[in-house]
Amino acid sequence: MSTAAVCSWEQDRSRPKVSRIRAIAALLSLSTAELLTSGPTGQLHEKLAQSREEIARIAGTTPEKVRIIIEV
């Protein structure tokens, strides 16, 4: 998925296809319900934060410098 597509979702200009929602949820080991109800403090945020921390530790950098891009 493109950055433009995600931006459109975030700005409520469009909605992701159901197949994309399912794929993103599967990649993050979440149910679609968990993904859709996760806000900035939900499970999605926690999973991404944990992943950033682990990647940063392995790469010898800080989590703030780690960007995670999900392509489906």
Foldseek 3Di string as FASTA:
>chain_A
DDPVVVVCVVVVVDNDDPVVLCVVCVVLVHHSVQVVPADCPGPVVVSLQVVLCVVCVVVVHHSVPDDDDDDD
